[in-house]
N, C-alpha and C. Protein backbone atom coordinates (compact mmCIF):
# COMPACT_ATOMS: atom_id res chain seq x y z
N MET A 1 -29.28 8.65 -33.36
CA MET A 1 -28.51 9.54 -32.53
C MET A 1 -28.76 10.98 -32.97
N ARG A 2 -29.08 11.83 -32.02
CA ARG A 2 -29.33 13.23 -32.32
C ARG A 2 -28.06 14.04 -32.06
N ILE A 3 -27.64 14.83 -33.03
CA ILE A 3 -26.44 15.64 -32.89
C ILE A 3 -26.83 17.04 -32.45
N ASN A 4 -26.23 17.50 -31.38
CA ASN A 4 -26.47 18.84 -30.87
C ASN A 4 -25.40 19.75 -31.45
N THR A 5 -25.78 20.67 -32.31
CA THR A 5 -24.80 21.55 -32.95
C THR A 5 -24.11 22.47 -31.94
N ASN A 6 -24.71 22.69 -30.80
CA ASN A 6 -24.07 23.51 -29.76
C ASN A 6 -22.84 22.82 -29.17
N ASN A 7 -22.71 21.51 -29.35
CA ASN A 7 -21.56 20.79 -28.80
C ASN A 7 -20.26 21.06 -29.54
N PHE A 8 -20.32 21.75 -30.68
CA PHE A 8 -19.09 22.06 -31.40
C PHE A 8 -18.29 23.13 -30.68
N PHE A 9 -18.92 23.86 -29.79
CA PHE A 9 -18.26 24.85 -28.96
C PHE A 9 -18.53 24.51 -27.50
N SER A 10 -17.76 25.07 -26.61
CA SER A 10 -17.95 24.79 -25.19
C SER A 10 -19.30 25.31 -24.72
N ARG A 11 -20.11 24.43 -24.17
CA ARG A 11 -21.43 24.81 -23.68
C ARG A 11 -21.41 25.27 -22.23
N CYS A 12 -20.39 24.88 -21.50
CA CYS A 12 -20.29 25.25 -20.09
C CYS A 12 -19.45 26.53 -19.97
N THR A 13 -20.05 27.60 -19.46
CA THR A 13 -19.33 28.85 -19.28
C THR A 13 -18.82 28.95 -17.86
N ASN A 14 -17.87 29.86 -17.63
CA ASN A 14 -17.31 30.00 -16.28
C ASN A 14 -17.89 31.17 -15.51
N LYS A 15 -18.93 31.81 -16.06
CA LYS A 15 -19.62 32.88 -15.34
C LYS A 15 -21.09 32.91 -15.76
N VAL A 16 -21.90 33.56 -14.94
CA VAL A 16 -23.32 33.67 -15.23
C VAL A 16 -23.52 34.86 -16.15
N LEU A 17 -23.94 34.60 -17.37
CA LEU A 17 -24.19 35.67 -18.31
C LEU A 17 -25.51 36.37 -17.97
N PRO A 18 -25.68 37.64 -18.34
CA PRO A 18 -26.86 38.41 -17.90
C PRO A 18 -28.21 37.82 -18.32
N HIS A 19 -28.24 37.12 -19.42
CA HIS A 19 -29.53 36.59 -19.90
C HIS A 19 -29.82 35.18 -19.40
N PHE A 20 -28.94 34.60 -18.60
CA PHE A 20 -29.16 33.26 -18.05
C PHE A 20 -30.25 33.28 -16.99
N LYS A 21 -31.04 32.23 -16.95
CA LYS A 21 -32.02 32.00 -15.88
C LYS A 21 -31.34 31.11 -14.85
N THR A 22 -31.42 31.47 -13.57
CA THR A 22 -30.62 30.78 -12.55
C THR A 22 -31.47 30.18 -11.45
N ILE A 23 -30.84 29.25 -10.74
CA ILE A 23 -31.40 28.66 -9.53
C ILE A 23 -30.25 28.54 -8.55
N ASN A 24 -30.53 28.76 -7.27
CA ASN A 24 -29.50 28.74 -6.23
C ASN A 24 -29.69 27.56 -5.30
N PHE A 25 -28.57 26.97 -4.90
CA PHE A 25 -28.55 25.91 -3.90
C PHE A 25 -27.53 26.30 -2.83
N ASP A 26 -27.65 25.70 -1.64
CA ASP A 26 -26.57 25.84 -0.67
C ASP A 26 -25.31 25.30 -1.32
N ARG A 27 -24.18 25.76 -0.88
CA ARG A 27 -22.92 25.38 -1.52
C ARG A 27 -22.81 23.87 -1.64
N LEU A 28 -22.53 23.42 -2.87
CA LEU A 28 -22.41 21.99 -3.17
C LEU A 28 -20.95 21.61 -3.27
N PRO A 29 -20.59 20.41 -2.82
CA PRO A 29 -19.20 19.96 -2.98
C PRO A 29 -18.85 19.74 -4.46
N GLU A 30 -17.58 19.73 -4.74
CA GLU A 30 -17.08 19.63 -6.11
C GLU A 30 -17.57 18.37 -6.83
N HIS A 31 -17.61 17.23 -6.14
CA HIS A 31 -18.04 16.00 -6.82
C HIS A 31 -19.51 16.06 -7.24
N LYS A 32 -20.34 16.76 -6.47
CA LYS A 32 -21.74 16.90 -6.87
C LYS A 32 -21.89 17.85 -8.06
N THR A 33 -21.13 18.93 -8.08
CA THR A 33 -21.22 19.85 -9.21
C THR A 33 -20.71 19.20 -10.49
N GLN A 34 -19.73 18.31 -10.39
CA GLN A 34 -19.26 17.60 -11.57
C GLN A 34 -20.33 16.65 -12.09
N LYS A 35 -21.01 15.95 -11.20
CA LYS A 35 -22.11 15.06 -11.61
C LYS A 35 -23.24 15.85 -12.25
N LEU A 36 -23.57 17.00 -11.67
CA LEU A 36 -24.61 17.84 -12.25
C LEU A 36 -24.21 18.35 -13.63
N SER A 37 -22.96 18.71 -13.77
CA SER A 37 -22.48 19.20 -15.06
C SER A 37 -22.61 18.13 -16.14
N VAL A 38 -22.27 16.90 -15.81
CA VAL A 38 -22.40 15.80 -16.77
C VAL A 38 -23.87 15.57 -17.10
N TRP A 39 -24.75 15.60 -16.08
CA TRP A 39 -26.18 15.39 -16.33
C TRP A 39 -26.73 16.48 -17.22
N ILE A 40 -26.39 17.72 -16.94
CA ILE A 40 -26.89 18.85 -17.74
C ILE A 40 -26.38 18.73 -19.18
N TYR A 41 -25.11 18.41 -19.34
CA TYR A 41 -24.54 18.28 -20.68
C TYR A 41 -25.26 17.20 -21.49
N ASP A 42 -25.61 16.11 -20.84
CA ASP A 42 -26.27 15.00 -21.54
C ASP A 42 -27.75 15.25 -21.82
N ASN A 43 -28.44 15.99 -20.96
CA ASN A 43 -29.90 16.09 -21.05
C ASN A 43 -30.44 17.44 -21.51
N CYS A 44 -29.62 18.46 -21.50
CA CYS A 44 -30.07 19.79 -21.91
C CYS A 44 -29.37 20.18 -23.21
N VAL A 45 -29.88 21.23 -23.87
CA VAL A 45 -29.34 21.56 -25.20
C VAL A 45 -28.57 22.87 -25.25
N GLY A 46 -28.82 23.81 -24.36
CA GLY A 46 -28.19 25.12 -24.44
C GLY A 46 -26.97 25.25 -23.55
N ARG A 47 -26.42 26.47 -23.53
CA ARG A 47 -25.27 26.74 -22.66
C ARG A 47 -25.72 26.81 -21.21
N PHE A 48 -24.78 26.53 -20.29
CA PHE A 48 -25.09 26.53 -18.87
C PHE A 48 -23.86 26.90 -18.08
N THR A 49 -24.03 27.17 -16.80
CA THR A 49 -22.91 27.45 -15.91
C THR A 49 -23.23 26.93 -14.52
N ILE A 50 -22.19 26.53 -13.81
CA ILE A 50 -22.29 26.15 -12.40
C ILE A 50 -21.16 26.87 -11.69
N VAL A 51 -21.49 27.85 -10.85
CA VAL A 51 -20.48 28.65 -10.18
C VAL A 51 -20.78 28.77 -8.69
N ASP A 52 -19.74 28.95 -7.90
CA ASP A 52 -19.89 29.26 -6.48
C ASP A 52 -20.02 30.76 -6.35
N ASP A 53 -20.92 31.20 -5.49
CA ASP A 53 -21.21 32.62 -5.35
C ASP A 53 -21.58 32.91 -3.91
N VAL A 54 -21.83 34.16 -3.58
CA VAL A 54 -22.32 34.54 -2.26
C VAL A 54 -23.65 35.24 -2.42
N ASP A 55 -24.50 35.10 -1.42
CA ASP A 55 -25.82 35.71 -1.42
C ASP A 55 -25.96 36.52 -0.15
N CYS A 56 -26.35 37.76 -0.29
CA CYS A 56 -26.54 38.64 0.87
C CYS A 56 -28.03 38.84 1.07
N SER A 57 -28.51 38.53 2.26
CA SER A 57 -29.94 38.67 2.55
C SER A 57 -30.21 39.99 3.26
N GLU A 58 -31.48 40.25 3.52
CA GLU A 58 -31.87 41.48 4.18
C GLU A 58 -31.40 41.53 5.63
N GLN A 59 -31.16 40.39 6.24
CA GLN A 59 -30.71 40.34 7.63
C GLN A 59 -29.20 40.49 7.74
N ARG A 60 -28.56 40.95 6.66
CA ARG A 60 -27.11 41.16 6.61
C ARG A 60 -26.34 39.87 6.82
N GLU A 61 -26.90 38.79 6.32
CA GLU A 61 -26.22 37.50 6.36
C GLU A 61 -25.55 37.25 5.02
N VAL A 62 -24.35 36.74 5.07
CA VAL A 62 -23.67 36.35 3.85
C VAL A 62 -23.68 34.83 3.81
N LYS A 63 -24.17 34.29 2.71
CA LYS A 63 -24.34 32.85 2.59
C LYS A 63 -23.63 32.37 1.33
N HIS A 64 -22.85 31.32 1.43
CA HIS A 64 -22.17 30.74 0.27
C HIS A 64 -23.15 29.82 -0.46
N ILE A 65 -23.28 30.03 -1.76
CA ILE A 65 -24.23 29.27 -2.56
C ILE A 65 -23.57 28.74 -3.82
N THR A 66 -24.23 27.79 -4.45
CA THR A 66 -23.87 27.34 -5.79
C THR A 66 -24.99 27.79 -6.71
N LYS A 67 -24.63 28.55 -7.74
CA LYS A 67 -25.60 29.08 -8.68
C LYS A 67 -25.49 28.31 -9.99
N ILE A 68 -26.62 27.82 -10.46
CA ILE A 68 -26.68 27.08 -11.73
C ILE A 68 -27.52 27.91 -12.68
N GLY A 69 -26.95 28.25 -13.83
CA GLY A 69 -27.64 29.08 -14.79
C GLY A 69 -27.78 28.40 -16.14
N PHE A 70 -28.88 28.69 -16.82
CA PHE A 70 -29.18 28.10 -18.13
C PHE A 70 -29.51 29.20 -19.12
N GLU A 71 -29.05 29.04 -20.35
CA GLU A 71 -29.37 29.99 -21.39
C GLU A 71 -30.82 29.83 -21.83
N ASN A 72 -31.28 28.60 -21.96
CA ASN A 72 -32.66 28.31 -22.38
C ASN A 72 -33.52 28.11 -21.14
N PRO A 73 -34.59 28.88 -20.99
CA PRO A 73 -35.48 28.67 -19.83
C PRO A 73 -36.06 27.27 -19.78
N SER A 74 -36.25 26.63 -20.94
CA SER A 74 -36.79 25.27 -20.94
C SER A 74 -35.80 24.28 -20.31
N ASP A 75 -34.50 24.55 -20.44
CA ASP A 75 -33.51 23.69 -19.78
C ASP A 75 -33.61 23.82 -18.26
N LEU A 76 -33.86 25.03 -17.78
CA LEU A 76 -34.03 25.23 -16.34
C LEU A 76 -35.26 24.48 -15.84
N THR A 77 -36.34 24.53 -16.60
CA THR A 77 -37.56 23.80 -16.22
C THR A 77 -37.30 22.31 -16.16
N LEU A 78 -36.62 21.78 -17.16
CA LEU A 78 -36.29 20.35 -17.17
C LEU A 78 -35.43 20.00 -15.97
N PHE A 79 -34.46 20.84 -15.65
CA PHE A 79 -33.57 20.58 -14.52
C PHE A 79 -34.34 20.60 -13.20
N ILE A 80 -35.22 21.57 -13.03
CA ILE A 80 -35.99 21.67 -11.77
C ILE A 80 -36.88 20.45 -11.57
N LEU A 81 -37.45 19.94 -12.65
CA LEU A 81 -38.35 18.80 -12.55
C LEU A 81 -37.62 17.45 -12.51
N SER A 82 -36.32 17.47 -12.68
CA SER A 82 -35.55 16.23 -12.77
C SER A 82 -35.14 15.72 -11.38
N ASP A 83 -34.64 14.50 -11.38
CA ASP A 83 -34.16 13.89 -10.14
C ASP A 83 -32.95 14.62 -9.54
N PRO A 84 -31.95 15.05 -10.33
CA PRO A 84 -30.80 15.70 -9.72
C PRO A 84 -31.16 16.95 -8.92
N ALA A 85 -32.05 17.76 -9.44
CA ALA A 85 -32.44 18.97 -8.73
C ALA A 85 -33.19 18.64 -7.45
N GLN A 86 -34.02 17.62 -7.48
CA GLN A 86 -34.78 17.23 -6.30
C GLN A 86 -33.83 16.70 -5.22
N ILE A 87 -32.81 15.99 -5.62
CA ILE A 87 -31.84 15.46 -4.66
C ILE A 87 -31.03 16.60 -4.03
N MET A 88 -30.64 17.59 -4.85
CA MET A 88 -29.85 18.70 -4.35
C MET A 88 -30.65 19.59 -3.41
N ALA A 89 -31.94 19.70 -3.64
CA ALA A 89 -32.79 20.57 -2.81
C ALA A 89 -32.99 20.00 -1.42
N ASN A 90 -32.89 18.69 -1.26
CA ASN A 90 -33.12 18.05 0.05
C ASN A 90 -31.85 17.89 0.82
């Protein structure tokens, strides 16, 4: 069993910190964000966040999104290549 020393403190933050690398999805329901949070906690090592946000495009459209951010860029890469991210993108 591998012990992650980051687990001694809360790894899930409630906001996107400036140095986090992020990915955006269309707004996800609460049950999907909870499943993603559990998957990230089990498979990634650094801090992360899952927040609801708004995105403004050049066409003056406001779109509700779910933003997922990772402290370690390698965690973002693992997430993008994983099954949960592929399911959320479709």
